[in-house]
PDB file of all heavy atoms in Angstrom:
ATOM      1  N   ALA A   1       0.835  -1.197   0.000  1.00  0.00           N
ATOM      2  CA  ALA A   1       0.000   0.000   0.000  1.00  0.00           C
ATOM      3  C   ALA A   1       0.871   1.249   0.000  1.00  0.00           C
ATOM      4  O   ALA A   1       1.883   1.312   0.711  1.00  0.00           O
ATOM      5  CB  ALA A   1      -0.919  -0.011   1.214  1.00  0.00           C
ATOM      6  N   LEU A   2       0.484   2.249  -0.800  1.00  0.00           N
ATOM      7  CA  LEU A   2       1.223   3.504  -0.843  1.00  0.00           C
ATOM      8  C   LEU A   2       1.018   4.283   0.451  1.00  0.00           C
ATOM      9  O   LEU A   2       1.981   4.738   1.075  1.00  0.00           O
ATOM     10  CB  LEU A   2       0.764   4.339  -2.046  1.00  0.00           C
ATOM     11  CG  LEU A   2       1.424   5.706  -2.207  1.00  0.00           C
ATOM     12  CD1 LEU A   2       2.923   5.537  -2.449  1.00  0.00           C
ATOM     13  CD2 LEU A   2       0.779   6.479  -3.361  1.00  0.00           C
ATOM     14  N   VAL A   3      -0.220   4.475   0.848  1.00  0.00           N
ATOM     15  CA  VAL A   3      -0.556   5.129   2.117  1.00  0.00           C
ATOM     16  C   VAL A   3      -1.440   4.205   2.950  1.00  0.00           C
ATOM     17  O   VAL A   3      -1.060   3.740   4.018  1.00  0.00           O
ATOM     18  CB  VAL A   3      -1.249   6.488   1.889  1.00  0.00           C
ATOM     19  CG1 VAL A   3      -1.619   7.132   3.225  1.00  0.00           C
ATOM     20  CG2 VAL A   3      -0.351   7.420   1.089  1.00  0.00           C
ATOM     21  N   SER A   4      -2.627   3.941   2.451  1.00  0.00           N
ATOM     22  CA  SER A   4      -3.566   3.060   3.149  1.00  0.00           C
ATOM     23  C   SER A   4      -4.633   2.606   2.167  1.00  0.00           C
ATOM     24  O   SER A   4      -5.069   3.385   1.308  1.00  0.00           O
ATOM     25  CB  SER A   4      -4.221   3.781   4.327  1.00  0.00           C
ATOM     26  OG  SER A   4      -5.233   2.977   4.901  1.00  0.00           O
ATOM     27  N   ARG A   5      -5.031   1.350   2.281  1.00  0.00           N
ATOM     28  CA  ARG A   5      -6.109   0.805   1.474  1.00  0.00           C
ATOM     29  C   ARG A   5      -7.335   0.471   2.320  1.00  0.00           C
ATOM     30  O   ARG A   5      -8.222  -0.247   1.886  1.00  0.00           O
ATOM     31  CB  ARG A   5      -5.620  -0.439   0.726  1.00  0.00           C
ATOM     32  CG  ARG A   5      -4.530  -0.096  -0.292  1.00  0.00           C
ATOM     33  CD  ARG A   5      -4.015  -1.291  -1.049  1.00  0.00           C
ATOM     34  NE  ARG A   5      -2.959  -0.886  -1.978  1.00  0.00           N
ATOM     35  CZ  ARG A   5      -2.258  -1.729  -2.730  1.00  0.00           C
ATOM     36  NH1 ARG A   5      -2.497  -3.020  -2.672  1.00  0.00           N
ATOM     37  NH2 ARG A   5      -1.323  -1.274  -3.543  1.00  0.00           N
ATOM     38  N   THR A   6      -7.369   1.022   3.500  1.00  0.00           N
ATOM     39  CA  THR A   6      -8.527   0.844   4.375  1.00  0.00           C
ATOM     40  C   THR A   6      -9.692   1.677   3.844  1.00  0.00           C
ATOM     41  O   THR A   6      -9.505   2.833   3.461  1.00  0.00           O
ATOM     42  CB  THR A   6      -8.185   1.294   5.800  1.00  0.00           C
ATOM     43  OG1 THR A   6      -7.053   0.552   6.264  1.00  0.00           O
ATOM     44  CG2 THR A   6      -9.359   1.073   6.730  1.00  0.00           C
ATOM     45  N   PRO A   7     -10.909   1.136   3.785  1.00  0.00           N
ATOM     46  CA  PRO A   7     -12.051   1.912   3.299  1.00  0.00           C
ATOM     47  C   PRO A   7     -12.254   3.199   4.089  1.00  0.00           C
ATOM     48  O   PRO A   7     -12.109   3.222   5.313  1.00  0.00           O
ATOM     49  CB  PRO A   7     -13.231   0.956   3.482  1.00  0.00           C
ATOM     50  CG  PRO A   7     -12.628  -0.406   3.483  1.00  0.00           C
ATOM     51  CD  PRO A   7     -11.279  -0.253   4.116  1.00  0.00           C
ATOM     52  N   VAL A   8     -12.565   4.273   3.373  1.00  0.00           N
ATOM     53  CA  VAL A   8     -12.747   5.580   4.013  1.00  0.00           C
ATOM     54  C   VAL A   8     -14.165   6.114   3.845  1.00  0.00           C
ATOM     55  O   VAL A   8     -14.434   7.257   4.216  1.00  0.00           O
ATOM     56  CB  VAL A   8     -11.743   6.617   3.445  1.00  0.00           C
ATOM     57  CG1 VAL A   8     -10.320   6.231   3.785  1.00  0.00           C
ATOM     58  CG2 VAL A   8     -11.917   6.770   1.932  1.00  0.00           C
ATOM     59  N   GLY A   9     -15.063   5.299   3.288  1.00  0.00           N
ATOM     60  CA  GLY A   9     -16.428   5.776   3.076  1.00  0.00           C
ATOM     61  C   GLY A   9     -17.117   6.175   4.367  1.00  0.00           C
ATOM     62  O   GLY A   9     -17.716   7.250   4.470  1.00  0.00           O
ATOM     63  N   GLY A  10     -17.043   5.319   5.373  1.00  0.00           N
ATOM     64  CA  GLY A  10     -17.662   5.647   6.652  1.00  0.00           C
ATOM     65  C   GLY A  10     -17.028   6.854   7.319  1.00  0.00           C
ATOM     66  O   GLY A  10     -17.721   7.679   7.924  1.00  0.00           O
ATOM     67  N   LEU A  11     -15.705   6.973   7.198  1.00  0.00           N
ATOM     68  CA  LEU A  11     -15.016   8.117   7.794  1.00  0.00           C
ATOM     69  C   LEU A  11     -15.449   9.422   7.132  1.00  0.00           C
ATOM     70  O   LEU A  11     -15.687  10.429   7.812  1.00  0.00           O
ATOM     71  CB  LEU A  11     -13.508   7.937   7.652  1.00  0.00           C
ATOM     72  CG  LEU A  11     -12.627   9.079   8.153  1.00  0.00           C
ATOM     73  CD1 LEU A  11     -12.823   9.286   9.650  1.00  0.00           C
ATOM     74  CD2 LEU A  11     -11.161   8.810   7.844  1.00  0.00           C
ATOM     75  N   LEU A  12     -15.570   9.428   5.807  1.00  0.00           N
ATOM     76  CA  LEU A  12     -15.986  10.644   5.110  1.00  0.00           C
ATOM     77  C   LEU A  12     -17.432  11.005   5.448  1.00  0.00           C
ATOM     78  O   LEU A  12     -17.758  12.182   5.640  1.00  0.00           O
ATOM     79  CB  LEU A  12     -15.825  10.455   3.602  1.00  0.00           C
ATOM     80  CG  LEU A  12     -14.391  10.409   3.075  1.00  0.00           C
ATOM     81  CD1 LEU A  12     -14.373  10.054   1.593  1.00  0.00           C
ATOM     82  CD2 LEU A  12     -13.681  11.731   3.315  1.00  0.00           C
ATOM     83  N   ALA A  13     -18.307  10.009   5.514  1.00  0.00           N
ATOM     84  CA  ALA A  13     -19.703  10.296   5.867  1.00  0.00           C
ATOM     85  C   ALA A  13     -19.795  10.868   7.281  1.00  0.00           C
ATOM     86  O   ALA A  13     -20.533  11.822   7.534  1.00  0.00           O
ATOM     87  CB  ALA A  13     -20.543   9.027   5.747  1.00  0.00           C
ATOM     88  N   GLY A  14     -19.027  10.299   8.215  1.00  0.00           N
ATOM     89  CA  GLY A  14     -19.019  10.840   9.565  1.00  0.00           C
ATOM     90  C   GLY A  14     -18.442  12.241   9.626  1.00  0.00           C
ATOM     91  O   GLY A  14     -18.939  13.100  10.371  1.00  0.00           O
ATOM     92  N   THR A  15     -17.385  12.485   8.831  1.00  0.00           N
ATOM     93  CA  THR A  15     -16.806  13.830   8.786  1.00  0.00           C
ATOM     94  C   THR A  15     -17.814  14.843   8.263  1.00  0.00           C
ATOM     95  O   THR A  15     -17.897  15.973   8.772  1.00  0.00           O
ATOM     96  CB  THR A  15     -15.552  13.827   7.902  1.00  0.00           C
ATOM     97  OG1 THR A  15     -14.607  12.881   8.417  1.00  0.00           O
ATOM     98  CG2 THR A  15     -14.915  15.203   7.855  1.00  0.00           C
ATOM     99  N   ALA A  16     -18.580  14.456   7.236  1.00  0.00           N
ATOM    100  CA  ALA A  16     -19.604  15.360   6.708  1.00  0.00           C
ATOM    101  C   ALA A  16     -20.632  15.710   7.775  1.00  0.00           C
ATOM    102  O   ALA A  16     -21.060  16.865   7.890  1.00  0.00           O
ATOM    103  CB  ALA A  16     -20.287  14.720   5.498  1.00  0.00           C
ATOM    104  N   ALA A  17     -21.023  14.716   8.584  1.00  0.00           N
ATOM    105  CA  ALA A  17     -21.993  14.990   9.644  1.00  0.00           C
ATOM    106  C   ALA A  17     -21.413  15.942  10.693  1.00  0.00           C
ATOM    107  O   ALA A  17     -22.090  16.874  11.144  1.00  0.00           O
ATOM    108  CB  ALA A  17     -22.425  13.677  10.302  1.00  0.00           C
ATOM    109  N   VAL A  18     -20.145  15.723  11.070  1.00  0.00           N
ATOM    110  CA  VAL A  18     -19.520  16.597  12.066  1.00  0.00           C
ATOM    111  C   VAL A  18     -19.393  18.022  11.527  1.00  0.00           C
ATOM    112  O   VAL A  18     -19.689  19.000  12.228  1.00  0.00           O
ATOM    113  CB  VAL A  18     -18.141  16.043  12.471  1.00  0.00           C
ATOM    114  CG1 VAL A  18     -17.393  17.042  13.358  1.00  0.00           C
ATOM    115  CG2 VAL A  18     -18.301  14.715  13.192  1.00  0.00           C
ATOM    116  N   VAL A  19     -18.945  18.158  10.274  1.00  0.00           N
ATOM    117  CA  VAL A  19     -18.813  19.486   9.677  1.00  0.00           C
ATOM    118  C   VAL A  19     -20.169  20.179   9.590  1.00  0.00           C
ATOM    119  O   VAL A  19     -20.289  21.386   9.829  1.00  0.00           O
ATOM    120  CB  VAL A  19     -18.155  19.376   8.290  1.00  0.00           C
ATOM    121  CG1 VAL A  19     -18.174  20.715   7.567  1.00  0.00           C
ATOM    122  CG2 VAL A  19     -16.719  18.886   8.418  1.00  0.00           C
ATOM    123  N   ALA A  20     -21.218  19.417   9.260  1.00  0.00           N
ATOM    124  CA  ALA A  20     -22.560  20.008   9.182  1.00  0.00           C
ATOM    125  C   ALA A  20     -22.995  20.552  10.540  1.00  0.00           C
ATOM    126  O   ALA A  20     -23.551  21.647  10.632  1.00  0.00           O
ATOM    127  CB  ALA A  20     -23.558  18.961   8.681  1.00  0.00           C
ATOM    128  N   VAL A  21     -22.724  19.798  11.608  1.00  0.00           N
ATOM    129  CA  VAL A  21     -23.103  20.260  12.946  1.00  0.00           C
ATOM    130  C   VAL A  21     -22.313  21.512  13.328  1.00  0.00           C
ATOM    131  O   VAL A  21     -22.870  22.489  13.858  1.00  0.00           O
ATOM    132  CB  VAL A  21     -22.875  19.136  13.971  1.00  0.00           C
ATOM    133  CG1 VAL A  21     -23.066  19.661  15.393  1.00  0.00           C
ATOM    134  CG2 VAL A  21     -23.826  17.976  13.714  1.00  0.00           C
ATOM    135  N   LEU A  22     -21.004  21.515  13.059  1.00  0.00           N
ATOM    136  CA  LEU A  22     -20.182  22.679  13.404  1.00  0.00           C
ATOM    137  C   LEU A  22     -20.623  23.920  12.629  1.00  0.00           C
ATOM    138  O   LEU A  22     -20.708  25.021  13.190  1.00  0.00           O
ATOM    139  CB  LEU A  22     -18.710  22.369  13.122  1.00  0.00           C
ATOM    140  CG  LEU A  22     -18.061  21.295  14.008  1.00  0.00           C
ATOM    141  CD1 LEU A  22     -16.624  21.056  13.572  1.00  0.00           C
ATOM    142  CD2 LEU A  22     -18.116  21.700  15.468  1.00  0.00           C
ATOM    143  N   LEU A  23     -20.903  23.756  11.337  1.00  0.00           N
ATOM    144  CA  LEU A  23     -21.357  24.901  10.544  1.00  0.00           C
ATOM    145  C   LEU A  23     -22.726  25.391  11.018  1.00  0.00           C
ATOM    146  O   LEU A  23     -22.985  26.599  11.040  1.00  0.00           O
ATOM    147  CB  LEU A  23     -21.405  24.523   9.067  1.00  0.00           C
ATOM    148  CG  LEU A  23     -20.055  24.369   8.376  1.00  0.00           C
ATOM    149  CD1 LEU A  23     -20.226  23.858   6.948  1.00  0.00           C
ATOM    150  CD2 LEU A  23     -19.293  25.692   8.370  1.00  0.00           C
ATOM    151  N   ALA A  24     -23.595  24.451  11.394  1.00  0.00           N
ATOM    152  CA  ALA A  24     -24.905  24.861  11.901  1.00  0.00           C
ATOM    153  C   ALA A  24     -24.751  25.667  13.196  1.00  0.00           C
ATOM    154  O   ALA A  24     -25.425  26.686  13.392  1.00  0.00           O
ATOM    155  CB  ALA A  24     -25.784  23.631  12.140  1.00  0.00           C
ATOM    156  N   LEU A  25     -23.859  25.224  14.067  1.00  0.00           N
ATOM    157  CA  LEU A  25     -23.617  25.982  15.300  1.00  0.00           C
ATOM    158  C   LEU A  25     -23.032  27.357  14.994  1.00  0.00           C
ATOM    159  O   LEU A  25     -23.402  28.356  15.619  1.00  0.00           O
ATOM    160  CB  LEU A  25     -22.674  25.197  16.210  1.00  0.00           C
ATOM    161  CG  LEU A  25     -23.229  23.880  16.792  1.00  0.00           C
ATOM    162  CD1 LEU A  25     -22.151  23.155  17.576  1.00  0.00           C
ATOM    163  CD2 LEU A  25     -24.436  24.158  17.672  1.00  0.00           C
ATOM    164  N   LEU A  26     -22.109  27.414  14.022  1.00  0.00           N
ATOM    165  CA  LEU A  26     -21.508  28.697  13.660  1.00  0.00           C
ATOM    166  C   LEU A  26     -22.547  29.654  13.098  1.00  0.00           C
ATOM    167  O   LEU A  26     -22.608  30.828  13.504  1.00  0.00           O
ATOM    168  CB  LEU A  26     -20.393  28.469  12.644  1.00  0.00           C
ATOM    169  CG  LEU A  26     -19.723  29.726  12.081  1.00  0.00           C
ATOM    170  CD1 LEU A  26     -19.062  30.526  13.192  1.00  0.00           C
ATOM    171  CD2 LEU A  26     -18.703  29.350  11.009  1.00  0.00           C
ATOM    172  N   TRP A  27     -23.372  29.153  12.176  1.00  0.00           N
ATOM    173  CA  TRP A  27     -24.402  30.020  11.599  1.00  0.00           C
ATOM    174  C   TRP A  27     -25.418  30.438  12.657  1.00  0.00           C
ATOM    175  O   TRP A  27     -25.933  31.556  12.642  1.00  0.00           O
ATOM    176  CB  TRP A  27     -25.103  29.311  10.443  1.00  0.00           C
ATOM    177  CG  TRP A  27     -24.315  29.369   9.171  1.00  0.00           C
ATOM    178  CD1 TRP A  27     -23.688  28.339   8.545  1.00  0.00           C
ATOM    179  CD2 TRP A  27     -24.056  30.535   8.387  1.00  0.00           C
ATOM    180  NE1 TRP A  27     -23.045  28.786   7.417  1.00  0.00           N
ATOM    181  CE2 TRP A  27     -23.260  30.127   7.291  1.00  0.00           C
ATOM    182  CE3 TRP A  27     -24.407  31.870   8.502  1.00  0.00           C
ATOM    183  CZ2 TRP A  27     -22.824  31.014   6.323  1.00  0.00           C
ATOM    184  CZ3 TRP A  27     -23.970  32.759   7.534  1.00  0.00           C
ATOM    185  CH2 TRP A  27     -23.198  32.328   6.459  1.00  0.00           C
ATOM    186  N   GLY A  28     -25.739  29.522  13.587  1.00  0.00           N
ATOM    187  CA  GLY A  28     -26.648  29.895  14.667  1.00  0.00           C
ATOM    188  C   GLY A  28     -26.071  30.989  15.550  1.00  0.00           C
ATOM    189  O   GLY A  28     -26.782  31.919  15.947  1.00  0.00           O
ATOM    190  N   ALA A  29     -24.762  30.887  15.855  1.00  0.00           N
ATOM    191  CA  ALA A  29     -24.126  31.922  16.678  1.00  0.00           C
ATOM    192  C   ALA A  29     -24.104  33.263  15.950  1.00  0.00           C
ATOM    193  O   ALA A  29     -24.357  34.315  16.554  1.00  0.00           O
ATOM    194  CB  ALA A  29     -22.705  31.485  17.034  1.00  0.00           C
ATOM    195  N   LEU A  30     -23.811  33.246  14.643  1.00  0.00           N
ATOM    196  CA  LEU A  30     -23.805  34.501  13.881  1.00  0.00           C
ATOM    197  C   LEU A  30     -25.198  35.118  13.812  1.00  0.00           C
ATOM    198  O   LEU A  30     -25.355  36.336  13.929  1.00  0.00           O
ATOM    199  CB  LEU A  30     -23.263  34.241  12.479  1.00  0.00           C
ATOM    200  CG  LEU A  30     -21.780  33.876  12.387  1.00  0.00           C
ATOM    201  CD1 LEU A  30     -21.401  33.547  10.950  1.00  0.00           C
ATOM    202  CD2 LEU A  30     -20.918  35.017  12.909  1.00  0.00           C
ATOM    203  N   ALA A  31     -26.209  34.268  13.614  1.00  0.00           N
ATOM    204  CA  ALA A  31     -27.580  34.790  13.555  1.00  0.00           C
ATOM    205  C   ALA A  31     -27.994  35.386  14.901  1.00  0.00           C
ATOM    206  O   ALA A  31     -28.639  36.435  14.954  1.00  0.00           O
ATOM    207  CB  ALA A  31     -28.535  33.676  13.142  1.00  0.00           C
ATOM    208  N   ARG A  32     -27.617  34.724  15.985  1.00  0.00           N
ATOM    209  CA  ARG A  32     -27.949  35.249  17.314  1.00  0.00           C
ATOM    210  C   ARG A  32     -27.236  36.577  17.568  1.00  0.00           C
ATOM    211  O   ARG A  32     -27.816  37.506  18.122  1.00  0.00           O
ATOM    212  CB  ARG A  32     -27.569  34.219  18.375  1.00  0.00           C
ATOM    213  CG  ARG A  32     -27.920  34.621  19.800  1.00  0.00           C
ATOM    214  CD  ARG A  32     -27.656  33.468  20.762  1.00  0.00           C
ATOM    215  NE  ARG A  32     -28.006  33.833  22.122  1.00  0.00           N
ATOM    216  CZ  ARG A  32     -27.201  34.451  22.968  1.00  0.00           C
ATOM    217  NH1 ARG A  32     -25.971  34.795  22.574  1.00  0.00           N
ATOM    218  NH2 ARG A  32     -27.603  34.755  24.187  1.00  0.00           N
ATOM    219  N   ARG A  33     -25.986  36.644  17.152  1.00  0.00           N
ATOM    220  CA  ARG A  33     -25.237  37.890  17.349  1.00  0.00           C
ATOM    221  C   ARG A  33     -25.868  39.040  16.573  1.00  0.00           C
ATOM    222  O   ARG A  33     -26.007  40.152  17.088  1.00  0.00           O
ATOM    223  CB  ARG A  33     -23.794  37.676  16.916  1.00  0.00           C
ATOM    224  CG  ARG A  33     -22.909  38.896  17.083  1.00  0.00           C
ATOM    225  CD  ARG A  33     -21.510  38.575  16.633  1.00  0.00           C
ATOM    226  NE  ARG A  33     -20.642  39.745  16.737  1.00  0.00           N
ATOM    227  CZ  ARG A  33     -19.375  39.772  16.353  1.00  0.00           C
ATOM    228  NH1 ARG A  33     -18.818  38.679  15.878  1.00  0.00           N
ATOM    229  NH2 ARG A  33     -18.664  40.874  16.472  1.00  0.00           N
ATOM    230  N   ARG A  34     -26.266  38.753  15.342  1.00  0.00           N
ATOM    231  CA  ARG A  34     -26.898  39.820  14.547  1.00  0.00           C
ATOM    232  C   ARG A  34     -28.231  40.237  15.138  1.00  0.00           C
ATOM    233  O   ARG A  34     -28.579  41.424  15.138  1.00  0.00           O
ATOM    234  CB  ARG A  34     -27.064  39.340  13.108  1.00  0.00           C
ATOM    235  CG  ARG A  34     -27.803  40.319  12.214  1.00  0.00           C
ATOM    236  CD  ARG A  34     -27.654  39.985  10.761  1.00  0.00           C
ATOM    237  NE  ARG A  34     -26.258  40.143  10.326  1.00  0.00           N
ATOM    238  CZ  ARG A  34     -25.859  40.020   9.062  1.00  0.00           C
ATOM    239  NH1 ARG A  34     -26.731  39.741   8.112  1.00  0.00           N
ATOM    240  NH2 ARG A  34     -24.588  40.168   8.745  1.00  0.00           N
ATOM    241  N   LEU A  35     -28.977  39.252  15.657  1.00  0.00           N
ATOM    242  CA  LEU A  35     -30.272  39.579  16.252  1.00  0.00           C
ATOM    243  C   LEU A  35     -30.098  40.454  17.474  1.00  0.00           C
ATOM    244  O   LEU A  35     -30.823  41.442  17.667  1.00  0.00           O
ATOM    245  CB  LEU A  35     -31.012  38.282  16.615  1.00  0.00           C
ATOM    246  CG  LEU A  35     -32.388  38.452  17.274  1.00  0.00           C
ATOM    247  CD1 LEU A  35     -33.342  39.171  16.336  1.00  0.00           C
ATOM    248  CD2 LEU A  35     -32.952  37.084  17.661  1.00  0.00           C
ATOM    249  N   LEU A  36     -29.120  40.101  18.325  1.00  0.00           N
ATOM    250  CA  LEU A  36     -28.884  40.924  19.512  1.00  0.00           C
ATOM    251  C   LEU A  36     -28.421  42.325  19.134  1.00  0.00           C
ATOM    252  O   LEU A  36     -28.810  43.315  19.767  1.00  0.00           O
ATOM    253  CB  LEU A  36     -27.847  40.245  20.404  1.00  0.00           C
ATOM    254  CG  LEU A  36     -28.279  38.925  21.056  1.00  0.00           C
ATOM    255  CD1 LEU A  36     -27.125  38.315  21.844  1.00  0.00           C
ATOM    256  CD2 LEU A  36     -29.488  39.140  21.947  1.00  0.00           C
ATOM    257  N   SER A  37     -27.598  42.423  18.098  1.00  0.00           N
ATOM    258  CA  SER A  37     -27.135  43.743  17.668  1.00  0.00           C
ATOM    259  C   SER A  37     -28.286  44.588  17.155  1.00  0.00           C
ATOM    260  O   SER A  37     -28.382  45.787  17.451  1.00  0.00           O
ATOM    261  CB  SER A  37     -26.072  43.592  16.581  1.00  0.00           C
ATOM    262  OG  SER A  37     -24.945  42.881  17.072  1.00  0.00           O
ATOM    263  N   SER A  38     -29.196  43.960  16.404  1.00  0.00           N
ATOM    264  CA  SER A  38     -30.335  44.720  15.886  1.00  0.00           C
ATOM    265  C   SER A  38     -31.252  45.176  17.013  1.00  0.00           C
ATOM    266  O   SER A  38     -31.764  46.289  16.998  1.00  0.00           O
ATOM    267  CB  SER A  38     -31.101  43.873  14.869  1.00  0.00           C
ATOM    268  OG  SER A  38     -31.633  42.707  15.489  1.00  0.00           O
ATOM    269  N   ARG A  39     -31.445  44.312  18.022  1.00  0.00           N
ATOM    270  CA  ARG A  39     -32.284  44.714  19.144  1.00  0.00           C
ATOM    271  C   ARG A  39     -31.657  45.839  19.932  1.00  0.00           C
ATOM    272  O   ARG A  39     -32.336  46.762  20.391  1.00  0.00           O
ATOM    273  CB  ARG A  39     -32.540  43.517  20.052  1.00  0.00           C
ATOM    274  CG  ARG A  39     -33.485  42.482  19.468  1.00  0.00           C
ATOM    275  CD  ARG A  39     -33.681  41.334  20.430  1.00  0.00           C
ATOM    276  NE  ARG A  39     -34.646  40.366  19.909  1.00  0.00           N
ATOM    277  CZ  ARG A  39     -34.966  39.222  20.537  1.00  0.00           C
ATOM    278  NH1 ARG A  39     -34.402  38.939  21.711  1.00  0.00           N
ATOM    279  NH2 ARG A  39     -35.843  38.394  20.000  1.00  0.00           N
ATOM    280  N   ALA A  40     -30.350  45.778  20.122  1.00  0.00           N
ATOM    281  CA  ALA A  40     -29.673  46.850  20.839  1.00  0.00           C
ATOM    282  C   ALA A  40     -29.779  48.162  20.074  1.00  0.00           C
ATOM    283  O   ALA A  40     -29.935  49.238  20.658  1.00  0.00           O
ATOM    284  CB  ALA A  40     -28.211  46.477  21.066  1.00  0.00           C
ATOM    285  N   GLY A  41     -29.717  48.100  18.742  1.00  0.00           N
ATOM    286  CA  GLY A  41     -29.845  49.311  17.948  1.00  0.00           C
ATOM    287  C   GLY A  41     -31.226  49.916  18.034  1.00  0.00           C
ATOM    288  O   GLY A  41     -31.389  51.138  18.087  1.00  0.00           O
ATOM    289  N   VAL A  42     -32.264  49.030  18.103  1.00  0.00           N
ATOM    290  CA  VAL A  42     -33.628  49.545  18.213  1.00  0.00           C
ATOM    291  C   VAL A  42     -33.856  50.187  19.577  1.00  0.00           C
ATOM    292  O   VAL A  42     -34.562  51.180  19.727  1.00  0.00           O
ATOM    293  CB  VAL A  42     -34.634  48.402  17.963  1.00  0.00           C
ATOM    294  CG1 VAL A  42     -36.056  48.849  18.306  1.00  0.00           C
ATOM    295  CG2 VAL A  42     -34.550  47.945  16.522  1.00  0.00           C
ATOM    296  N   GLY A  43     -33.260  49.673  20.647  1.00  0.00           N
ATOM    297  CA  GLY A  43     -33.490  50.201  21.999  1.00  0.00           C
ATOM    298  C   GLY A  43     -32.825  51.530  22.264  1.00  0.00           C
ATOM    299  O   GLY A  43     -33.196  52.236  23.194  1.00  0.00           O
ATOM    300  N   ARG A  44     -31.818  51.899  21.475  1.00  0.00           N
ATOM    301  CA  ARG A  44     -31.103  53.157  21.707  1.00  0.00           C
ATOM    302  C   ARG A  44     -31.637  54.232  20.782  1.00  0.00           C
ATOM    303  O   ARG A  44     -31.484  54.126  19.561  1.00  0.00           O
ATOM    304  CB  ARG A  44     -29.607  52.967  21.485  1.00  0.00           C
ATOM    305  CG  ARG A  44     -28.923  52.173  22.580  1.00  0.00           C
ATOM    306  CD  ARG A  44     -27.419  52.316  22.465  1.00  0.00           C
ATOM    307  NE  ARG A  44     -26.917  51.733  21.233  1.00  0.00           N
ATOM    308  CZ  ARG A  44     -26.413  50.512  21.146  1.00  0.00           C
ATOM    309  NH1 ARG A  44     -26.370  49.744  22.224  1.00  0.00           N
ATOM    310  NH2 ARG A  44     -25.948  50.057  20.008  1.00  0.00           N
ATOM    311  N   HIS A  45     -32.325  55.247  21.336  1.00  0.00           N
ATOM    312  CA  HIS A  45     -32.842  56.362  20.554  1.00  0.00           C
ATOM    313  C   HIS A  45     -32.072  57.617  20.934  1.00  0.00           C
ATOM    314  O   HIS A  45     -31.982  57.959  22.123  1.00  0.00           O
ATOM    315  CB  HIS A  45     -34.340  56.585  20.816  1.00  0.00           C
ATOM    316  CG  HIS A  45     -35.172  55.413  20.395  1.00  0.00           C
ATOM    317  ND1 HIS A  45     -35.433  55.123  19.091  1.00  0.00           N
ATOM    318  CD2 HIS A  45     -35.782  54.447  21.141  1.00  0.00           C
ATOM    319  CE1 HIS A  45     -36.198  54.029  19.023  1.00  0.00           C
ATOM    320  NE2 HIS A  45     -36.403  53.612  20.257  1.00  0.00           N
TER     321      HIS A  45
END
């Protein structure tokens, strides 16, 4: 074997799931931050 001939299908599918969860958390944090910023802007006159 040059590097490895072990199947990687399961590893890639699991990696996709982990990346999806991390990106969902990141987008959720960004959306929450923007929402809080907009509310703070509305409260200050």
